[in-house]
Structure formats: C-alpha cells, structure tokens
Amino acid sequence: MKKFFLAAVAATLVASPALAAAPQQHDRHGQQRVVVKQVYKPAPVVKYKSWKKGQRFDSRYARNYHQIDYRRYHRLKAPPRGYRYVQSGNDALLVGVTSGIIAAVIANAIN
C-alpha cells in the first residue's frame, strides 16, 4: 500500500508541470490564438488637503485648481504685486507667484 501511495505522489509531481501549462487554443484554420488577460488597476488616490497660511501650495493636492480673476467674486480684493488668486475647491488662496507660499486663505469664497 505504501509503494502504491508513493508511486501516485511521484506521478503527480512529475505530471503537474505538464498539466499546469496553458491549453493551446487554435482557430478554424489551425493557427494558434493568443489570449491576453486584462488586469483592472484602480486609479491612484489623490488626497485633498485643507490649506493654511504659510504652507507651500502644490497643485497636485488642490481640487478644481485654476487661477481665478478676483473681479468676478465680491469677497476678493485686488492681489498685491507678485501674488495671484488660485481656486482649490470652494476656497480661494492668495499665493505668491515665485515662491508658491500661501499668503491668505478665503474659505467658501467661490460658490
């Protein structure tokens, strides 16, 4: 009985690589087909942050990032020379053009 069991285990170990190989698929004309497996990769998660005065502004973490015109919004006054207003979500940020440092955060300025 032991010999039969050992022979069965040895046969399965020898035959397993041949059984694990992918089956060949052929079309009607005898040519081999290649099956490509597509893998789903979720989109990278970008975490948005709440901005504070003195932080360096990074547009990768800003929602709805774009430069805005202060004249379109009644809560914004003209920016000083060297600064511009940037939208992040519903907030307006006064950001230095060359340094990228946030000088002011106006919460819910853009509705």
N, C-alpha and C. Protein backbone atom coordinates (compact mmCIF):
# COMPACT_ATOMS: atom_id res chain seq x y z
N MET A 1 0.82 -1.19 0.00
CA MET A 1 0.00 0.00 0.00
C MET A 1 0.87 1.26 0.00
N LYS A 2 1.99 1.21 0.78
CA LYS A 2 2.89 2.35 0.83
C LYS A 2 3.50 2.61 -0.54
N LYS A 3 3.89 1.54 -1.22
CA LYS A 3 4.52 1.70 -2.52
C LYS A 3 3.53 2.31 -3.53
N PHE A 4 2.29 1.90 -3.45
CA PHE A 4 1.28 2.43 -4.36
C PHE A 4 1.07 3.92 -4.09
N PHE A 5 1.00 4.30 -2.83
CA PHE A 5 0.81 5.70 -2.46
C PHE A 5 2.00 6.56 -2.90
N LEU A 6 3.23 6.07 -2.65
CA LEU A 6 4.42 6.81 -3.07
C LEU A 6 4.50 6.93 -4.59
N ALA A 7 4.10 5.89 -5.30
CA ALA A 7 4.11 5.95 -6.76
C ALA A 7 3.09 6.96 -7.27
N ALA A 8 1.94 7.05 -6.62
CA ALA A 8 0.92 8.02 -7.03
C ALA A 8 1.39 9.45 -6.77
N VAL A 9 2.04 9.70 -5.65
CA VAL A 9 2.56 11.02 -5.33
C VAL A 9 3.66 11.41 -6.31
N ALA A 10 4.55 10.48 -6.62
CA ALA A 10 5.63 10.76 -7.57
C ALA A 10 5.08 11.05 -8.96
N ALA A 11 4.04 10.33 -9.36
CA ALA A 11 3.45 10.56 -10.68
C ALA A 11 2.79 11.94 -10.75
N THR A 12 2.15 12.36 -9.68
CA THR A 12 1.52 13.68 -9.70
C THR A 12 2.57 14.79 -9.70
N LEU A 13 3.70 14.60 -9.01
CA LEU A 13 4.76 15.59 -9.02
C LEU A 13 5.39 15.72 -10.40
N VAL A 14 5.53 14.62 -11.09
CA VAL A 14 6.13 14.65 -12.42
C VAL A 14 5.15 15.24 -13.44
N ALA A 15 3.87 14.94 -13.30
CA ALA A 15 2.88 15.37 -14.28
C ALA A 15 2.35 16.78 -14.04
N SER A 16 2.58 17.36 -12.86
CA SER A 16 2.00 18.67 -12.56
C SER A 16 2.48 19.80 -13.48
N PRO A 17 3.76 19.90 -13.87
CA PRO A 17 4.12 20.98 -14.80
C PRO A 17 3.44 20.85 -16.16
N ALA A 18 3.26 19.64 -16.63
CA ALA A 18 2.60 19.45 -17.92
C ALA A 18 1.12 19.80 -17.83
N LEU A 19 0.50 19.54 -16.71
CA LEU A 19 -0.92 19.86 -16.53
C LEU A 19 -1.13 21.35 -16.27
N ALA A 20 -0.11 22.01 -15.70
CA ALA A 20 -0.26 23.43 -15.38
C ALA A 20 -0.08 24.33 -16.60
N ALA A 21 0.48 23.81 -17.67
CA ALA A 21 0.68 24.62 -18.88
C ALA A 21 -0.67 25.03 -19.45
N ALA A 22 -0.72 26.24 -20.00
CA ALA A 22 -1.96 26.75 -20.57
C ALA A 22 -2.34 25.93 -21.79
N PRO A 23 -3.62 25.63 -21.94
CA PRO A 23 -4.03 24.86 -23.11
C PRO A 23 -3.86 25.68 -24.39
N GLN A 24 -3.44 25.04 -25.43
CA GLN A 24 -3.26 25.70 -26.72
C GLN A 24 -4.63 25.91 -27.34
N GLN A 25 -4.88 27.11 -27.83
CA GLN A 25 -6.15 27.40 -28.49
C GLN A 25 -5.87 27.68 -29.96
N HIS A 26 -6.63 27.03 -30.81
CA HIS A 26 -6.45 27.20 -32.24
C HIS A 26 -7.76 27.65 -32.87
N ASP A 27 -7.65 28.46 -33.91
CA ASP A 27 -8.86 28.88 -34.61
C ASP A 27 -9.21 27.85 -35.69
N ARG A 28 -10.15 28.15 -36.54
CA ARG A 28 -10.62 27.19 -37.55
C ARG A 28 -9.54 26.80 -38.55
N HIS A 29 -8.59 27.69 -38.78
CA HIS A 29 -7.58 27.43 -39.79
C HIS A 29 -6.33 26.80 -39.22
N GLY A 30 -6.34 26.43 -37.97
CA GLY A 30 -5.22 25.73 -37.37
C GLY A 30 -4.15 26.65 -36.82
N GLN A 31 -4.37 27.97 -36.86
CA GLN A 31 -3.38 28.90 -36.33
C GLN A 31 -3.62 29.11 -34.84
N GLN A 32 -2.54 29.30 -34.14
CA GLN A 32 -2.64 29.46 -32.70
C GLN A 32 -3.13 30.86 -32.35
N ARG A 33 -4.05 30.95 -31.38
CA ARG A 33 -4.57 32.22 -30.88
C ARG A 33 -3.86 32.58 -29.58
N VAL A 34 -3.66 33.86 -29.37
CA VAL A 34 -3.06 34.34 -28.13
C VAL A 34 -4.15 35.04 -27.33
N VAL A 35 -4.32 34.61 -26.09
CA VAL A 35 -5.32 35.21 -25.21
C VAL A 35 -4.60 36.16 -24.27
N VAL A 36 -5.02 37.43 -24.27
CA VAL A 36 -4.40 38.45 -23.43
C VAL A 36 -5.32 38.71 -22.25
N LYS A 37 -4.75 38.63 -21.07
CA LYS A 37 -5.51 38.86 -19.85
C LYS A 37 -5.40 40.33 -19.47
N GLN A 38 -6.54 40.99 -19.25
CA GLN A 38 -6.55 42.38 -18.84
C GLN A 38 -6.75 42.46 -17.33
N VAL A 39 -5.92 43.24 -16.69
CA VAL A 39 -5.96 43.38 -15.24
C VAL A 39 -6.48 44.76 -14.90
N TYR A 40 -7.45 44.84 -14.00
CA TYR A 40 -8.02 46.12 -13.57
C TYR A 40 -7.10 46.74 -12.53
N LYS A 41 -6.69 47.98 -12.77
CA LYS A 41 -5.91 48.73 -11.79
C LYS A 41 -6.71 49.96 -11.40
N PRO A 42 -7.02 50.12 -10.14
CA PRO A 42 -7.78 51.31 -9.74
C PRO A 42 -6.95 52.57 -9.92
N ALA A 43 -7.64 53.68 -10.09
CA ALA A 43 -6.97 54.97 -10.27
C ALA A 43 -6.25 55.34 -8.97
N PRO A 44 -5.13 56.03 -9.09
CA PRO A 44 -4.43 56.43 -7.87
C PRO A 44 -5.26 57.41 -7.05
N VAL A 45 -5.18 57.26 -5.76
CA VAL A 45 -5.96 58.09 -4.85
C VAL A 45 -5.18 59.37 -4.56
N VAL A 46 -5.79 60.50 -4.83
CA VAL A 46 -5.18 61.79 -4.54
C VAL A 46 -5.90 62.37 -3.33
N LYS A 47 -5.16 62.60 -2.29
CA LYS A 47 -5.77 63.13 -1.08
C LYS A 47 -5.74 64.65 -1.13
N TYR A 48 -6.91 65.25 -0.97
CA TYR A 48 -7.01 66.69 -0.93
C TYR A 48 -6.74 67.16 0.49
N LYS A 49 -6.27 68.36 0.61
CA LYS A 49 -5.95 68.84 1.94
C LYS A 49 -6.55 70.21 2.17
N SER A 50 -6.66 70.55 3.41
CA SER A 50 -7.10 71.90 3.75
C SER A 50 -5.84 72.76 3.87
N TRP A 51 -5.89 73.91 3.25
CA TRP A 51 -4.72 74.77 3.17
C TRP A 51 -4.65 75.72 4.35
N LYS A 52 -3.44 76.07 4.75
CA LYS A 52 -3.21 77.02 5.83
C LYS A 52 -2.20 78.07 5.38
N LYS A 53 -2.28 79.21 5.98
CA LYS A 53 -1.36 80.32 5.66
C LYS A 53 0.07 79.90 5.99
N GLY A 54 0.98 80.17 5.06
CA GLY A 54 2.39 79.85 5.26
C GLY A 54 2.83 78.54 4.63
N GLN A 55 1.88 77.69 4.21
CA GLN A 55 2.23 76.44 3.54
C GLN A 55 2.63 76.71 2.10
N ARG A 56 3.39 75.78 1.53
CA ARG A 56 3.72 75.88 0.11
C ARG A 56 2.58 75.24 -0.67
N PHE A 57 2.09 75.95 -1.68
CA PHE A 57 0.96 75.47 -2.48
C PHE A 57 1.46 74.47 -3.51
N ASP A 58 0.82 73.30 -3.54
CA ASP A 58 1.14 72.27 -4.52
C ASP A 58 -0.15 71.93 -5.26
N SER A 59 -0.18 72.16 -6.57
CA SER A 59 -1.41 71.99 -7.34
C SER A 59 -1.87 70.54 -7.42
N ARG A 60 -0.99 69.59 -7.13
CA ARG A 60 -1.40 68.17 -7.18
C ARG A 60 -2.43 67.84 -6.11
N TYR A 61 -2.45 68.59 -5.03
CA TYR A 61 -3.36 68.31 -3.93
C TYR A 61 -4.52 69.30 -3.86
N ALA A 62 -4.75 70.03 -4.93
CA ALA A 62 -5.81 71.04 -4.95
C ALA A 62 -6.98 70.54 -5.79
N ARG A 63 -8.20 70.71 -5.29
CA ARG A 63 -9.39 70.37 -6.05
C ARG A 63 -9.77 71.54 -6.94
N ASN A 64 -10.16 71.27 -8.17
CA ASN A 64 -10.59 72.29 -9.13
C ASN A 64 -9.55 73.40 -9.26
N TYR A 65 -8.30 73.04 -9.34
CA TYR A 65 -7.22 74.02 -9.35
C TYR A 65 -7.22 74.81 -10.65
N HIS A 66 -7.28 76.11 -10.54
CA HIS A 66 -7.02 77.03 -11.64
C HIS A 66 -6.93 78.45 -11.09
N GLN A 67 -6.27 79.30 -11.85
CA GLN A 67 -6.13 80.69 -11.46
C GLN A 67 -7.46 81.40 -11.70
N ILE A 68 -7.86 82.26 -10.77
CA ILE A 68 -9.16 82.92 -10.88
C ILE A 68 -8.97 84.44 -10.96
N ASP A 69 -9.98 85.10 -11.51
CA ASP A 69 -9.98 86.56 -11.60
C ASP A 69 -10.72 87.10 -10.37
N TYR A 70 -10.05 87.94 -9.62
CA TYR A 70 -10.62 88.44 -8.36
C TYR A 70 -11.84 89.32 -8.61
N ARG A 71 -11.98 89.92 -9.80
CA ARG A 71 -13.10 90.83 -10.07
C ARG A 71 -14.44 90.10 -10.19
N ARG A 72 -14.42 88.81 -10.39
CA ARG A 72 -15.66 88.05 -10.53
C ARG A 72 -16.29 87.69 -9.18
N TYR A 73 -15.54 87.84 -8.10
CA TYR A 73 -16.03 87.44 -6.78
C TYR A 73 -15.98 88.63 -5.84
N HIS A 74 -17.09 88.92 -5.17
CA HIS A 74 -17.19 90.13 -4.34
C HIS A 74 -16.36 90.04 -3.06
N ARG A 75 -15.97 88.87 -2.61
CA ARG A 75 -15.21 88.74 -1.37
C ARG A 75 -13.71 88.92 -1.58
N LEU A 76 -13.26 89.01 -2.82
CA LEU A 76 -11.82 89.11 -3.10
C LEU A 76 -11.45 90.53 -3.51
N LYS A 77 -10.37 91.02 -2.95
CA LYS A 77 -9.87 92.33 -3.36
C LYS A 77 -8.64 92.12 -4.25
N ALA A 78 -8.15 93.15 -4.85
CA ALA A 78 -7.03 93.04 -5.79
C ALA A 78 -5.79 92.47 -5.09
N PRO A 79 -5.15 91.48 -5.71
CA PRO A 79 -3.96 90.90 -5.07
C PRO A 79 -2.77 91.85 -5.18
N PRO A 80 -1.88 91.84 -4.20
CA PRO A 80 -0.68 92.68 -4.28
C PRO A 80 0.23 92.20 -5.44
N ARG A 81 1.18 93.02 -5.80
CA ARG A 81 2.10 92.67 -6.88
C ARG A 81 2.88 91.41 -6.48
N GLY A 82 2.97 90.45 -7.40
CA GLY A 82 3.70 89.21 -7.13
C GLY A 82 2.83 88.11 -6.54
N TYR A 83 1.53 88.34 -6.42
CA TYR A 83 0.61 87.34 -5.89
C TYR A 83 -0.52 87.11 -6.88
N ARG A 84 -1.20 85.98 -6.75
CA ARG A 84 -2.36 85.68 -7.58
C ARG A 84 -3.33 84.83 -6.77
N TYR A 85 -4.59 84.86 -7.19
CA TYR A 85 -5.61 84.04 -6.54
C TYR A 85 -5.72 82.72 -7.29
N VAL A 86 -5.83 81.63 -6.51
CA VAL A 86 -5.96 80.29 -7.06
C VAL A 86 -7.14 79.63 -6.37
N GLN A 87 -7.93 78.88 -7.16
CA GLN A 87 -9.08 78.17 -6.59
C GLN A 87 -8.67 76.76 -6.21
N SER A 88 -9.10 76.33 -5.04
CA SER A 88 -8.96 74.95 -4.59
C SER A 88 -10.27 74.57 -3.92
N GLY A 89 -11.10 73.82 -4.65
CA GLY A 89 -12.44 73.51 -4.15
C GLY A 89 -13.27 74.77 -4.14
N ASN A 90 -13.88 75.11 -3.00
CA ASN A 90 -14.64 76.35 -2.86
C ASN A 90 -13.82 77.46 -2.23
N ASP A 91 -12.53 77.19 -1.96
CA ASP A 91 -11.67 78.17 -1.31
C ASP A 91 -10.86 78.94 -2.34
N ALA A 92 -10.56 80.18 -2.01
CA ALA A 92 -9.65 81.00 -2.81
C ALA A 92 -8.38 81.18 -2.00
N LEU A 93 -7.24 80.94 -2.63
CA LEU A 93 -5.95 81.05 -1.97
C LEU A 93 -5.16 82.17 -2.62
N LEU A 94 -4.57 83.03 -1.81
CA LEU A 94 -3.67 84.07 -2.31
C LEU A 94 -2.26 83.49 -2.23
N VAL A 95 -1.66 83.23 -3.40
CA VAL A 95 -0.40 82.50 -3.48
C VAL A 95 0.66 83.39 -4.13
N GLY A 96 1.87 83.35 -3.58
CA GLY A 96 2.99 84.06 -4.18
C GLY A 96 3.37 83.41 -5.50
N VAL A 97 3.59 84.23 -6.54
CA VAL A 97 3.86 83.68 -7.87
C VAL A 97 5.19 82.95 -7.90
N THR A 98 6.24 83.52 -7.36
CA THR A 98 7.56 82.90 -7.45
C THR A 98 7.81 81.88 -6.36
N SER A 99 7.33 82.12 -5.15
CA SER A 99 7.64 81.21 -4.04
C SER A 99 6.62 80.10 -3.87
N GLY A 100 5.36 80.33 -4.22
CA GLY A 100 4.31 79.34 -4.02
C GLY A 100 3.81 79.28 -2.60
N ILE A 101 4.19 80.23 -1.76
CA ILE A 101 3.74 80.26 -0.36
C ILE A 101 2.36 80.90 -0.29
N ILE A 102 1.49 80.30 0.52
CA ILE A 102 0.12 80.80 0.67
C ILE A 102 0.13 81.99 1.63
N ALA A 103 -0.37 83.13 1.17
CA ALA A 103 -0.42 84.33 2.00
C ALA A 103 -1.77 84.47 2.71
N ALA A 104 -2.84 83.96 2.09
CA ALA A 104 -4.16 84.07 2.70
C ALA A 104 -5.06 82.96 2.15
N VAL A 105 -5.99 82.52 3.00
CA VAL A 105 -6.99 81.53 2.60
C VAL A 105 -8.36 82.15 2.84
N ILE A 106 -9.14 82.28 1.78
CA ILE A 106 -10.51 82.80 1.92
C ILE A 106 -11.44 81.62 1.73
N ALA A 107 -12.03 81.15 2.83
CA ALA A 107 -12.87 79.94 2.81
C ALA A 107 -14.22 80.25 2.17
N ASN A 108 -14.70 79.33 1.36
CA ASN A 108 -16.02 79.39 0.71
C ASN A 108 -16.22 80.69 -0.07
N ALA A 109 -15.19 81.19 -0.69
CA ALA A 109 -15.30 82.41 -1.48
C ALA A 109 -15.93 82.14 -2.83
N ILE A 110 -15.85 80.92 -3.29
CA ILE A 110 -16.36 80.57 -4.61
C ILE A 110 -17.52 79.59 -4.43
N ASN A 111 -18.69 80.00 -4.87
CA ASN A 111 -19.87 79.13 -4.73
C ASN A 111 -20.39 78.73 -6.05
